[in-house]
Amino acid sequence: MPPKVEPAVPITPPDQWVDAYGDYLYGFAMSRLRNPEAAADCLQDTFLAGIKALDRFDGSRDIKFWLRGIMRNKIVDQIRKSIKENKVDIDAEDEALLESFWYKYTGIATTTPDPWQFNPRKYYDNSEFWVVFEKCIAQVKDPARKAFVLRVLEDQTTEEVCKAMDLTPNYLWVLLHRAREQLKVLLEANWTGKDAN
């Protein structure tokens, strides 16, 4: 058996996780699930999974981020569960887009989004931007928010998202387009670090 390597960062004992990371992880889950009960379940599932897998934690980063990685999988599970329990409804605007002649013919929506008032990529390393982003993504309407969380934030493949949400790839594209439009409006209204780009 190879010798045990000392962790690079101190490992917070599991009995301190709720106090140390509970608020942060609950907020992370709420921003994606927008349901207090589901977020609380996700938090509990994350802590239980973390305790069970603690012997596999390598200590190379803060355990908070390791737990967040576990939580990402639990969020995907919660979204899948929610989708199975509540069939995805197509709202009237999306249905009109899907039924339009051009969309049927090409599979491409005819609307082109307006340019951004600022370049969000410039702020990826800014923790304040991510606080605003979390609040904004929580306001995006379902099912577009769920599709965006799964495809963009949780990096699921198109095939995985379509299977989880019982969607066609074209309708997934519509939902992602709608989520990006809503998110753009919300970020432009709430982020004060605007620039001319």
N, C-alpha and C. Protein backbone atom coordinates (compact mmCIF):
# COMPACT_ATOMS: atom_id res chain seq x y z
N MET A 1 0.85 -1.19 0.00
CA MET A 1 0.00 0.00 0.00
C MET A 1 0.89 1.24 0.00
N PRO A 2 0.64 2.20 -0.95
CA PRO A 2 1.47 3.40 -0.99
C PRO A 2 1.24 4.26 0.25
N PRO A 3 2.26 5.02 0.64
CA PRO A 3 2.09 5.87 1.83
C PRO A 3 1.04 6.96 1.57
N LYS A 4 0.32 7.29 2.62
CA LYS A 4 -0.72 8.32 2.51
C LYS A 4 -0.07 9.68 2.39
N VAL A 5 -0.49 10.44 1.35
CA VAL A 5 0.05 11.77 1.11
C VAL A 5 -0.73 12.78 1.95
N GLU A 6 0.00 13.67 2.60
CA GLU A 6 -0.65 14.70 3.40
C GLU A 6 -1.40 15.68 2.49
N PRO A 7 -2.62 16.09 2.85
CA PRO A 7 -3.37 17.03 2.01
C PRO A 7 -2.68 18.38 1.94
N ALA A 8 -2.83 19.05 0.80
CA ALA A 8 -2.24 20.38 0.60
C ALA A 8 -2.96 21.45 1.42
N VAL A 9 -4.23 21.24 1.67
CA VAL A 9 -5.02 22.17 2.48
C VAL A 9 -5.63 21.40 3.66
N PRO A 10 -5.88 22.06 4.77
CA PRO A 10 -6.48 21.37 5.91
C PRO A 10 -7.89 20.87 5.55
N ILE A 11 -8.23 19.69 6.03
CA ILE A 11 -9.54 19.12 5.76
C ILE A 11 -10.46 19.42 6.94
N THR A 12 -11.53 20.14 6.66
CA THR A 12 -12.53 20.44 7.69
C THR A 12 -13.28 19.15 8.02
N PRO A 13 -13.37 18.80 9.30
CA PRO A 13 -14.09 17.56 9.67
C PRO A 13 -15.58 17.66 9.31
N PRO A 14 -16.20 16.53 8.95
CA PRO A 14 -17.61 16.54 8.54
C PRO A 14 -18.57 17.15 9.55
N ASP A 15 -18.25 17.04 10.86
CA ASP A 15 -19.16 17.61 11.86
C ASP A 15 -19.17 19.14 11.84
N GLN A 16 -18.27 19.76 11.06
CA GLN A 16 -18.24 21.22 10.94
C GLN A 16 -18.73 21.70 9.57
N TRP A 17 -19.06 20.79 8.68
CA TRP A 17 -19.45 21.16 7.32
C TRP A 17 -20.69 22.04 7.27
N VAL A 18 -21.69 21.70 8.07
CA VAL A 18 -22.94 22.48 8.03
C VAL A 18 -22.66 23.94 8.37
N ASP A 19 -21.91 24.17 9.45
CA ASP A 19 -21.60 25.54 9.85
C ASP A 19 -20.67 26.23 8.85
N ALA A 20 -19.68 25.50 8.35
CA ALA A 20 -18.67 26.09 7.48
C ALA A 20 -19.16 26.31 6.05
N TYR A 21 -19.94 25.36 5.52
CA TYR A 21 -20.27 25.40 4.09
C TYR A 21 -21.77 25.35 3.78
N GLY A 22 -22.59 25.18 4.79
CA GLY A 22 -24.03 25.00 4.57
C GLY A 22 -24.67 26.15 3.81
N ASP A 23 -24.41 27.38 4.23
CA ASP A 23 -25.02 28.54 3.57
C ASP A 23 -24.55 28.67 2.12
N TYR A 24 -23.25 28.50 1.93
CA TYR A 24 -22.69 28.62 0.58
C TYR A 24 -23.29 27.56 -0.36
N LEU A 25 -23.31 26.31 0.08
CA LEU A 25 -23.82 25.24 -0.77
C LEU A 25 -25.33 25.34 -0.97
N TYR A 26 -26.05 25.75 0.06
CA TYR A 26 -27.49 25.92 -0.08
C TYR A 26 -27.78 27.03 -1.11
N GLY A 27 -27.04 28.13 -1.03
CA GLY A 27 -27.20 29.22 -2.00
C GLY A 27 -26.89 28.75 -3.42
N PHE A 28 -25.85 27.94 -3.55
CA PHE A 28 -25.47 27.39 -4.86
C PHE A 28 -26.62 26.54 -5.41
N ALA A 29 -27.18 25.69 -4.57
CA ALA A 29 -28.30 24.83 -5.00
C ALA A 29 -29.55 25.67 -5.31
N MET A 30 -29.84 26.67 -4.50
CA MET A 30 -31.03 27.51 -4.73
C MET A 30 -30.93 28.27 -6.04
N SER A 31 -29.74 28.72 -6.38
CA SER A 31 -29.59 29.49 -7.61
C SER A 31 -29.88 28.63 -8.84
N ARG A 32 -29.73 27.34 -8.72
CA ARG A 32 -29.97 26.46 -9.84
C ARG A 32 -31.34 25.77 -9.78
N LEU A 33 -31.82 25.52 -8.57
CA LEU A 33 -33.08 24.77 -8.43
C LEU A 33 -34.28 25.66 -8.15
N ARG A 34 -34.06 26.82 -7.54
CA ARG A 34 -35.13 27.77 -7.18
C ARG A 34 -36.26 27.12 -6.39
N ASN A 35 -35.93 26.15 -5.58
CA ASN A 35 -36.92 25.46 -4.78
C ASN A 35 -36.27 25.15 -3.44
N PRO A 36 -36.73 25.79 -2.35
CA PRO A 36 -36.09 25.60 -1.05
C PRO A 36 -36.03 24.15 -0.59
N GLU A 37 -37.11 23.41 -0.82
CA GLU A 37 -37.14 22.00 -0.40
C GLU A 37 -36.15 21.17 -1.21
N ALA A 38 -36.12 21.37 -2.51
CA ALA A 38 -35.19 20.63 -3.36
C ALA A 38 -33.75 21.01 -3.03
N ALA A 39 -33.49 22.30 -2.76
CA ALA A 39 -32.14 22.73 -2.41
C ALA A 39 -31.69 22.13 -1.08
N ALA A 40 -32.61 22.07 -0.12
CA ALA A 40 -32.28 21.45 1.18
C ALA A 40 -32.00 19.96 1.02
N ASP A 41 -32.81 19.28 0.21
CA ASP A 41 -32.57 17.85 -0.06
C ASP A 41 -31.22 17.65 -0.72
N CYS A 42 -30.92 18.51 -1.66
CA CYS A 42 -29.66 18.45 -2.39
C CYS A 42 -28.48 18.65 -1.43
N LEU A 43 -28.61 19.60 -0.53
CA LEU A 43 -27.57 19.87 0.45
C LEU A 43 -27.34 18.65 1.34
N GLN A 44 -28.42 18.07 1.82
CA GLN A 44 -28.31 16.89 2.67
C GLN A 44 -27.66 15.73 1.91
N ASP A 45 -28.11 15.51 0.68
CA ASP A 45 -27.53 14.44 -0.14
C ASP A 45 -26.05 14.67 -0.39
N THR A 46 -25.67 15.94 -0.58
CA THR A 46 -24.27 16.29 -0.82
C THR A 46 -23.42 15.96 0.40
N PHE A 47 -23.88 16.35 1.58
CA PHE A 47 -23.12 16.07 2.79
C PHE A 47 -23.00 14.56 3.03
N LEU A 48 -24.08 13.82 2.82
CA LEU A 48 -24.02 12.37 3.01
C LEU A 48 -23.05 11.72 2.02
N ALA A 49 -23.13 12.14 0.76
CA ALA A 49 -22.21 11.59 -0.25
C ALA A 49 -20.77 11.98 0.08
N GLY A 50 -20.56 13.20 0.58
CA GLY A 50 -19.22 13.64 0.95
C GLY A 50 -18.64 12.82 2.08
N ILE A 51 -19.46 12.52 3.08
CA ILE A 51 -19.00 11.70 4.21
C ILE A 51 -18.61 10.31 3.71
N LYS A 52 -19.45 9.74 2.85
CA LYS A 52 -19.18 8.39 2.33
C LYS A 52 -17.91 8.35 1.47
N ALA A 53 -17.62 9.45 0.77
CA ALA A 53 -16.49 9.46 -0.16
C ALA A 53 -15.26 10.18 0.40
N LEU A 54 -15.30 10.57 1.66
CA LEU A 54 -14.22 11.38 2.24
C LEU A 54 -12.86 10.70 2.12
N ASP A 55 -12.82 9.38 2.18
CA ASP A 55 -11.54 8.67 2.07
C ASP A 55 -10.92 8.83 0.67
N ARG A 56 -11.73 9.24 -0.31
CA ARG A 56 -11.22 9.45 -1.68
C ARG A 56 -10.84 10.91 -1.95
N PHE A 57 -11.09 11.79 -0.99
CA PHE A 57 -10.72 13.20 -1.15
C PHE A 57 -9.21 13.32 -1.06
N ASP A 58 -8.59 13.92 -2.08
CA ASP A 58 -7.13 13.97 -2.14
C ASP A 58 -6.52 15.19 -1.44
N GLY A 59 -7.34 16.13 -1.01
CA GLY A 59 -6.83 17.28 -0.28
C GLY A 59 -6.09 18.31 -1.13
N SER A 60 -6.25 18.24 -2.43
CA SER A 60 -5.54 19.16 -3.31
C SER A 60 -6.20 20.53 -3.40
N ARG A 61 -7.43 20.64 -2.94
CA ARG A 61 -8.14 21.92 -2.96
C ARG A 61 -9.02 21.99 -1.71
N ASP A 62 -9.58 23.13 -1.48
CA ASP A 62 -10.46 23.30 -0.33
C ASP A 62 -11.63 22.34 -0.45
N ILE A 63 -11.98 21.70 0.64
CA ILE A 63 -13.06 20.70 0.62
C ILE A 63 -14.40 21.32 0.21
N LYS A 64 -14.53 22.62 0.41
CA LYS A 64 -15.75 23.33 0.00
C LYS A 64 -16.01 23.14 -1.50
N PHE A 65 -14.94 23.23 -2.29
CA PHE A 65 -15.09 23.10 -3.74
C PHE A 65 -15.28 21.64 -4.16
N TRP A 66 -14.71 20.74 -3.40
CA TRP A 66 -14.94 19.31 -3.62
C TRP A 66 -16.41 18.98 -3.35
N LEU A 67 -16.95 19.52 -2.26
CA LEU A 67 -18.37 19.32 -1.95
C LEU A 67 -19.26 19.95 -3.02
N ARG A 68 -18.85 21.11 -3.53
CA ARG A 68 -19.62 21.75 -4.60
C ARG A 68 -19.65 20.86 -5.84
N GLY A 69 -18.55 20.18 -6.13
CA GLY A 69 -18.51 19.24 -7.25
C GLY A 69 -19.49 18.10 -7.05
N ILE A 70 -19.57 17.59 -5.84
CA ILE A 70 -20.56 16.55 -5.53
C ILE A 70 -21.96 17.13 -5.71
N MET A 71 -22.15 18.35 -5.22
CA MET A 71 -23.46 18.98 -5.30
C MET A 71 -23.91 19.16 -6.75
N ARG A 72 -23.00 19.45 -7.65
CA ARG A 72 -23.37 19.62 -9.06
C ARG A 72 -24.08 18.37 -9.57
N ASN A 73 -23.57 17.20 -9.20
CA ASN A 73 -24.22 15.95 -9.61
C ASN A 73 -25.58 15.79 -8.95
N LYS A 74 -25.69 16.20 -7.70
CA LYS A 74 -26.97 16.11 -6.98
C LYS A 74 -27.99 17.08 -7.59
N ILE A 75 -27.53 18.23 -8.06
CA ILE A 75 -28.42 19.19 -8.72
C ILE A 75 -28.97 18.59 -10.00
N VAL A 76 -28.11 17.96 -10.78
CA VAL A 76 -28.56 17.31 -12.01
C VAL A 76 -29.60 16.24 -11.68
N ASP A 77 -29.34 15.46 -10.62
CA ASP A 77 -30.30 14.44 -10.20
C ASP A 77 -31.64 15.07 -9.80
N GLN A 78 -31.59 16.19 -9.07
CA GLN A 78 -32.83 16.87 -8.65
C GLN A 78 -33.60 17.39 -9.85
N ILE A 79 -32.89 17.95 -10.83
CA ILE A 79 -33.57 18.47 -12.02
C ILE A 79 -34.22 17.33 -12.78
N ARG A 80 -33.50 16.22 -12.92
CA ARG A 80 -34.09 15.06 -13.60
C ARG A 80 -35.35 14.58 -12.87
N LYS A 81 -35.25 14.51 -11.55
CA LYS A 81 -36.40 14.08 -10.74
C LYS A 81 -37.58 15.03 -10.93
N SER A 82 -37.30 16.33 -10.90
CA SER A 82 -38.33 17.34 -11.08
C SER A 82 -38.99 17.23 -12.45
N ILE A 83 -38.18 16.98 -13.46
CA ILE A 83 -38.71 16.87 -14.83
C ILE A 83 -39.60 15.65 -14.96
N LYS A 84 -39.19 14.55 -14.34
CA LYS A 84 -40.02 13.33 -14.40
C LYS A 84 -41.35 13.53 -13.70
N GLU A 85 -41.32 14.28 -12.59
CA GLU A 85 -42.56 14.52 -11.84
C GLU A 85 -43.46 15.54 -12.51
N ASN A 86 -42.87 16.53 -13.16
CA ASN A 86 -43.63 17.60 -13.82
C ASN A 86 -43.21 17.66 -15.27
N LYS A 87 -44.06 17.24 -16.14
CA LYS A 87 -43.76 17.27 -17.58
C LYS A 87 -43.43 18.69 -18.00
N VAL A 88 -42.46 18.85 -18.87
CA VAL A 88 -42.08 20.18 -19.37
C VAL A 88 -43.21 20.72 -20.24
N ASP A 89 -43.62 21.94 -19.94
CA ASP A 89 -44.65 22.61 -20.73
C ASP A 89 -43.99 23.57 -21.70
N ILE A 90 -44.47 23.58 -22.92
CA ILE A 90 -43.99 24.52 -23.92
C ILE A 90 -44.85 25.76 -23.80
N ASP A 91 -44.22 26.91 -23.54
CA ASP A 91 -45.05 28.11 -23.44
C ASP A 91 -45.43 28.59 -24.85
N ALA A 92 -46.43 29.45 -24.91
CA ALA A 92 -47.03 29.84 -26.19
C ALA A 92 -46.02 30.48 -27.13
N GLU A 93 -45.12 31.29 -26.60
CA GLU A 93 -44.12 31.95 -27.44
C GLU A 93 -43.18 30.93 -28.08
N ASP A 94 -42.75 29.94 -27.28
CA ASP A 94 -41.89 28.89 -27.82
C ASP A 94 -42.62 28.06 -28.87
N GLU A 95 -43.89 27.77 -28.60
CA GLU A 95 -44.67 26.97 -29.54
C GLU A 95 -44.82 27.71 -30.87
N ALA A 96 -45.02 29.02 -30.80
CA ALA A 96 -45.15 29.81 -32.03
C ALA A 96 -43.84 29.75 -32.83
N LEU A 97 -42.72 29.83 -32.13
CA LEU A 97 -41.43 29.75 -32.80
C LEU A 97 -41.25 28.38 -33.45
N LEU A 98 -41.59 27.34 -32.71
CA LEU A 98 -41.44 25.98 -33.24
C LEU A 98 -42.32 25.74 -34.45
N GLU A 99 -43.47 26.38 -34.46
CA GLU A 99 -44.42 26.16 -35.55
C GLU A 99 -44.19 27.07 -36.76
N SER A 100 -43.33 28.06 -36.60
CA SER A 100 -43.14 28.98 -37.72
C SER A 100 -42.57 28.24 -38.93
N PHE A 101 -42.92 28.70 -40.10
CA PHE A 101 -42.49 28.05 -41.33
C PHE A 101 -40.97 28.00 -41.41
N TRP A 102 -40.31 29.15 -41.15
CA TRP A 102 -38.86 29.18 -41.27
C TRP A 102 -38.21 28.18 -40.33
N TYR A 103 -38.71 28.11 -39.09
CA TYR A 103 -38.12 27.18 -38.13
C TYR A 103 -38.33 25.74 -38.57
N LYS A 104 -39.53 25.43 -39.07
CA LYS A 104 -39.78 24.06 -39.55
C LYS A 104 -38.86 23.72 -40.70
N TYR A 105 -38.61 24.70 -41.55
CA TYR A 105 -37.81 24.45 -42.74
C TYR A 105 -36.32 24.31 -42.40
N THR A 106 -35.80 25.20 -41.55
CA THR A 106 -34.36 25.23 -41.30
C THR A 106 -33.94 24.74 -39.93
N GLY A 107 -34.87 24.77 -38.97
CA GLY A 107 -34.49 24.45 -37.59
C GLY A 107 -33.78 25.60 -36.90
N ILE A 108 -33.78 26.79 -37.52
CA ILE A 108 -33.07 27.95 -36.97
C ILE A 108 -34.08 29.05 -36.66
N ALA A 109 -34.00 29.57 -35.46
CA ALA A 109 -34.88 30.68 -35.09
C ALA A 109 -34.48 31.92 -35.87
N THR A 110 -35.45 32.77 -36.18
CA THR A 110 -35.18 33.93 -37.02
C THR A 110 -34.73 35.15 -36.22
N THR A 111 -34.87 35.12 -34.91
CA THR A 111 -34.49 36.29 -34.12
C THR A 111 -32.99 36.30 -33.85
N THR A 112 -32.38 37.47 -33.99
CA THR A 112 -30.97 37.65 -33.68
C THR A 112 -30.89 38.49 -32.41
N PRO A 113 -30.15 38.03 -31.40
CA PRO A 113 -30.09 38.80 -30.15
C PRO A 113 -29.34 40.12 -30.35
N ASP A 114 -29.74 41.12 -29.56
CA ASP A 114 -29.04 42.39 -29.57
C ASP A 114 -27.65 42.19 -28.96
N PRO A 115 -26.68 43.05 -29.34
CA PRO A 115 -25.34 42.91 -28.75
C PRO A 115 -25.36 43.22 -27.25
N TRP A 116 -24.43 42.63 -26.53
CA TRP A 116 -24.31 42.85 -25.09
C TRP A 116 -23.87 44.28 -24.80
N GLN A 117 -24.32 44.83 -23.67
CA GLN A 117 -23.87 46.14 -23.21
C GLN A 117 -22.47 46.04 -22.59
N PHE A 118 -22.09 44.81 -22.18
CA PHE A 118 -20.76 44.57 -21.62
C PHE A 118 -20.37 43.14 -21.98
N ASN A 119 -19.10 42.83 -21.84
CA ASN A 119 -18.60 41.50 -22.16
C ASN A 119 -18.48 40.69 -20.87
N PRO A 120 -19.41 39.74 -20.63
CA PRO A 120 -19.37 38.99 -19.37
C PRO A 120 -18.10 38.17 -19.19
N ARG A 121 -17.45 37.78 -20.28
CA ARG A 121 -16.23 36.97 -20.17
C ARG A 121 -15.11 37.72 -19.45
N LYS A 122 -15.16 39.06 -19.50
CA LYS A 122 -14.15 39.86 -18.81
C LYS A 122 -14.24 39.71 -17.29
N TYR A 123 -15.37 39.21 -16.80
CA TYR A 123 -15.61 39.18 -15.36
C TYR A 123 -15.64 37.78 -14.77
N TYR A 124 -15.19 36.79 -15.53
CA TYR A 124 -15.21 35.40 -15.06
C TYR A 124 -14.41 35.19 -13.78
N ASP A 125 -13.37 35.99 -13.58
CA ASP A 125 -12.55 35.84 -12.37
C ASP A 125 -13.00 36.76 -11.25
N ASN A 126 -14.11 37.45 -11.43
CA ASN A 126 -14.60 38.40 -10.44
C ASN A 126 -15.69 37.74 -9.59
N SER A 127 -15.42 37.55 -8.31
CA SER A 127 -16.38 36.85 -7.44
C SER A 127 -17.69 37.64 -7.30
N GLU A 128 -17.62 38.97 -7.38
CA GLU A 128 -18.85 39.78 -7.29
C GLU A 128 -19.76 39.53 -8.49
N PHE A 129 -19.15 39.34 -9.65
CA PHE A 129 -19.93 39.04 -10.85
C PHE A 129 -20.71 37.74 -10.65
N TRP A 130 -20.07 36.73 -10.06
CA TRP A 130 -20.74 35.43 -9.89
C TRP A 130 -21.88 35.51 -8.88
N VAL A 131 -21.78 36.39 -7.91
CA VAL A 131 -22.90 36.58 -6.97
C VAL A 131 -24.10 37.13 -7.74
N VAL A 132 -23.85 38.12 -8.59
CA VAL A 132 -24.93 38.70 -9.41
C VAL A 132 -25.45 37.66 -10.40
N PHE A 133 -24.54 36.91 -11.00
CA PHE A 133 -24.94 35.87 -11.96
C PHE A 133 -25.87 34.86 -11.30
N GLU A 134 -25.51 34.39 -10.09
CA GLU A 134 -26.34 33.40 -9.38
C GLU A 134 -27.76 33.94 -9.15
N LYS A 135 -27.85 35.22 -8.76
CA LYS A 135 -29.17 35.83 -8.54
C LYS A 135 -29.95 35.92 -9.85
N CYS A 136 -29.25 36.24 -10.93
CA CYS A 136 -29.91 36.39 -12.23
C CYS A 136 -30.37 35.05 -12.78
N ILE A 137 -29.54 34.02 -12.70
CA ILE A 137 -29.93 32.72 -13.25
C ILE A 137 -31.12 32.16 -12.48
N ALA A 138 -31.23 32.49 -11.21
CA ALA A 138 -32.37 32.04 -10.42
C ALA A 138 -33.69 32.65 -10.90
N GLN A 139 -33.61 33.78 -11.62
CA GLN A 139 -34.82 34.46 -12.10
C GLN A 139 -35.25 34.02 -13.50
N VAL A 140 -34.41 33.25 -14.19
CA VAL A 140 -34.77 32.77 -15.53
C VAL A 140 -35.91 31.76 -15.39
N LYS A 141 -36.91 31.88 -16.26
CA LYS A 141 -38.10 31.05 -16.16
C LYS A 141 -37.82 29.60 -16.56
N ASP A 142 -38.49 28.68 -15.88
CA ASP A 142 -38.45 27.27 -16.27
C ASP A 142 -39.32 27.06 -17.49
N PRO A 143 -39.07 26.13 -18.35
CA PRO A 143 -38.01 25.12 -18.32
C PRO A 143 -36.69 25.61 -18.91
N ALA A 144 -36.63 26.87 -19.36
CA ALA A 144 -35.40 27.38 -19.96
C ALA A 144 -34.25 27.37 -18.96
N ARG A 145 -34.54 27.73 -17.69
CA ARG A 145 -33.50 27.75 -16.67
C ARG A 145 -32.94 26.36 -16.46
N LYS A 146 -33.82 25.36 -16.37
CA LYS A 146 -33.35 23.99 -16.15
C LYS A 146 -32.47 23.52 -17.32
N ALA A 147 -32.89 23.83 -18.52
CA ALA A 147 -32.11 23.44 -19.70
C ALA A 147 -30.74 24.12 -19.67
N PHE A 148 -30.70 25.41 -19.33
CA PHE A 148 -29.45 26.16 -19.28
C PHE A 148 -28.53 25.61 -18.20
N VAL A 149 -29.09 25.33 -17.03
CA VAL A 149 -28.28 24.80 -15.92
C VAL A 149 -27.66 23.47 -16.33
N LEU A 150 -28.47 22.58 -16.89
CA LEU A 150 -27.95 21.27 -17.28
C LEU A 150 -26.92 21.37 -18.39
N ARG A 151 -27.23 22.12 -19.43
CA ARG A 151 -26.37 22.14 -20.62
C ARG A 151 -25.13 23.01 -20.44
N VAL A 152 -25.30 24.20 -19.86
CA VAL A 152 -24.19 25.16 -19.79
C VAL A 152 -23.46 25.08 -18.45
N LEU A 153 -24.18 25.16 -17.35
CA LEU A 153 -23.52 25.21 -16.05
C LEU A 153 -23.03 23.83 -15.60
N GLU A 154 -23.82 22.80 -15.86
CA GLU A 154 -23.43 21.46 -15.43
C GLU A 154 -22.76 20.67 -16.55
N ASP A 155 -22.62 21.28 -17.72
CA ASP A 155 -21.87 20.73 -18.85
C ASP A 155 -22.34 19.34 -19.31
N GLN A 156 -23.66 19.13 -19.25
CA GLN A 156 -24.23 17.90 -19.80
C GLN A 156 -24.25 18.02 -21.32
N THR A 157 -24.17 16.89 -22.01
CA THR A 157 -24.24 16.93 -23.46
C THR A 157 -25.68 17.21 -23.89
N THR A 158 -25.84 17.63 -25.14
CA THR A 158 -27.18 17.86 -25.68
C THR A 158 -28.01 16.60 -25.54
N GLU A 159 -27.42 15.48 -25.88
CA GLU A 159 -28.13 14.20 -25.79
C GLU A 159 -28.58 13.91 -24.35
N GLU A 160 -27.70 14.16 -23.38
CA GLU A 160 -28.06 13.91 -21.97
C GLU A 160 -29.19 14.83 -21.52
N VAL A 161 -29.13 16.10 -21.91
CA VAL A 161 -30.17 17.05 -21.50
C VAL A 161 -31.50 16.69 -22.16
N CYS A 162 -31.45 16.36 -23.44
CA CYS A 162 -32.68 15.99 -24.15
C CYS A 162 -33.32 14.76 -23.51
N LYS A 163 -32.50 13.81 -23.14
CA LYS A 163 -33.02 12.59 -22.50
C LYS A 163 -33.60 12.92 -21.12
N ALA A 164 -32.87 13.69 -20.34
CA ALA A 164 -33.32 14.04 -18.98
C ALA A 164 -34.61 14.84 -19.00
N MET A 165 -34.74 15.77 -19.97
CA MET A 165 -35.90 16.65 -20.01
C MET A 165 -36.96 16.19 -21.00
N ASP A 166 -36.70 15.09 -21.69
CA ASP A 166 -37.62 14.55 -22.69
C ASP A 166 -37.94 15.61 -23.75
N LEU A 167 -36.87 16.12 -24.39
CA LEU A 167 -36.98 17.18 -25.38
C LEU A 167 -36.34 16.73 -26.69
N THR A 168 -36.71 17.41 -27.76
CA THR A 168 -35.99 17.24 -29.02
C THR A 168 -34.80 18.21 -28.99
N PRO A 169 -33.75 17.94 -29.74
CA PRO A 169 -32.63 18.89 -29.79
C PRO A 169 -33.05 20.28 -30.25
N ASN A 170 -33.99 20.37 -31.18
CA ASN A 170 -34.46 21.69 -31.63
C ASN A 170 -35.12 22.46 -30.50
N TYR A 171 -35.96 21.80 -29.72
CA TYR A 171 -36.63 22.50 -28.63
C TYR A 171 -35.63 22.87 -27.53
N LEU A 172 -34.62 22.02 -27.32
CA LEU A 172 -33.58 22.37 -26.36
C LEU A 172 -32.90 23.66 -26.81
N TRP A 173 -32.61 23.78 -28.12
CA TRP A 173 -31.99 24.99 -28.63
C TRP A 173 -32.87 26.20 -28.34
N VAL A 174 -34.17 26.06 -28.53
CA VAL A 174 -35.11 27.15 -28.25
C VAL A 174 -35.04 27.55 -26.78
N LEU A 175 -35.02 26.56 -25.90
CA LEU A 175 -34.97 26.84 -24.46
C LEU A 175 -33.65 27.53 -24.09
N LEU A 176 -32.55 27.06 -24.66
CA LEU A 176 -31.25 27.69 -24.37
C LEU A 176 -31.21 29.12 -24.89
N HIS A 177 -31.78 29.33 -26.07
CA HIS A 177 -31.85 30.67 -26.65
C HIS A 177 -32.66 31.59 -25.73
N ARG A 178 -33.79 31.09 -25.27
CA ARG A 178 -34.65 31.88 -24.37
C ARG A 178 -33.93 32.17 -23.06
N ALA A 179 -33.24 31.17 -22.49
CA ALA A 179 -32.52 31.37 -21.22
C ALA A 179 -31.43 32.42 -21.39
N ARG A 180 -30.70 32.35 -22.50
CA ARG A 180 -29.62 33.32 -22.74
C ARG A 180 -30.18 34.73 -22.89
N GLU A 181 -31.32 34.85 -23.58
CA GLU A 181 -31.95 36.17 -23.72
C GLU A 181 -32.35 36.74 -22.36
N GLN A 182 -33.01 35.91 -21.55
CA GLN A 182 -33.44 36.36 -20.23
C GLN A 182 -32.23 36.70 -19.35
N LEU A 183 -31.22 35.84 -19.39
CA LEU A 183 -30.03 36.06 -18.58
C LEU A 183 -29.31 37.34 -19.00
N LYS A 184 -29.25 37.60 -20.28
CA LYS A 184 -28.62 38.82 -20.79
C LYS A 184 -29.32 40.06 -20.24
N VAL A 185 -30.64 40.08 -20.32
CA VAL A 185 -31.42 41.22 -19.81
C VAL A 185 -31.18 41.39 -18.32
N LEU A 186 -31.22 40.29 -17.57
CA LEU A 186 -31.04 40.36 -16.12
C LEU A 186 -29.63 40.82 -15.75
N LEU A 187 -28.62 40.28 -16.43
CA LEU A 187 -27.24 40.68 -16.11
C LEU A 187 -27.00 42.14 -16.46
N GLU A 188 -27.50 42.58 -17.60
CA GLU A 188 -27.31 43.97 -17.99
C GLU A 188 -28.01 44.92 -17.01
N ALA A 189 -29.11 44.48 -16.42
CA ALA A 189 -29.83 45.33 -15.46
C ALA A 189 -29.19 45.30 -14.07
N ASN A 190 -28.50 44.20 -13.75
CA ASN A 190 -28.01 44.03 -12.37
C ASN A 190 -26.51 44.15 -12.19
N TRP A 191 -25.74 44.00 -13.26
CA TRP A 191 -24.29 44.09 -13.13
C TRP A 191 -23.85 45.53 -13.35
N THR A 192 -23.17 46.08 -12.36
CA THR A 192 -22.77 47.49 -12.43
C THR A 192 -21.40 47.67 -13.06
N GLY A 193 -20.67 46.60 -13.33
CA GLY A 193 -19.35 46.71 -13.92
C GLY A 193 -19.40 46.77 -15.44
N LYS A 194 -20.33 47.53 -15.98
CA LYS A 194 -20.54 47.59 -17.43
C LYS A 194 -19.37 48.28 -18.13
N ASP A 195 -19.15 47.83 -19.37
CA ASP A 195 -18.14 48.48 -20.20
C ASP A 195 -18.74 48.74 -21.58
N ALA A 196 -17.97 49.31 -22.45
CA ALA A 196 -18.49 49.70 -23.77
C ALA A 196 -18.55 48.56 -24.78
N ASN A 197 -17.98 47.38 -24.44
CA ASN A 197 -17.95 46.29 -25.43
C ASN A 197 -19.27 45.61 -25.54
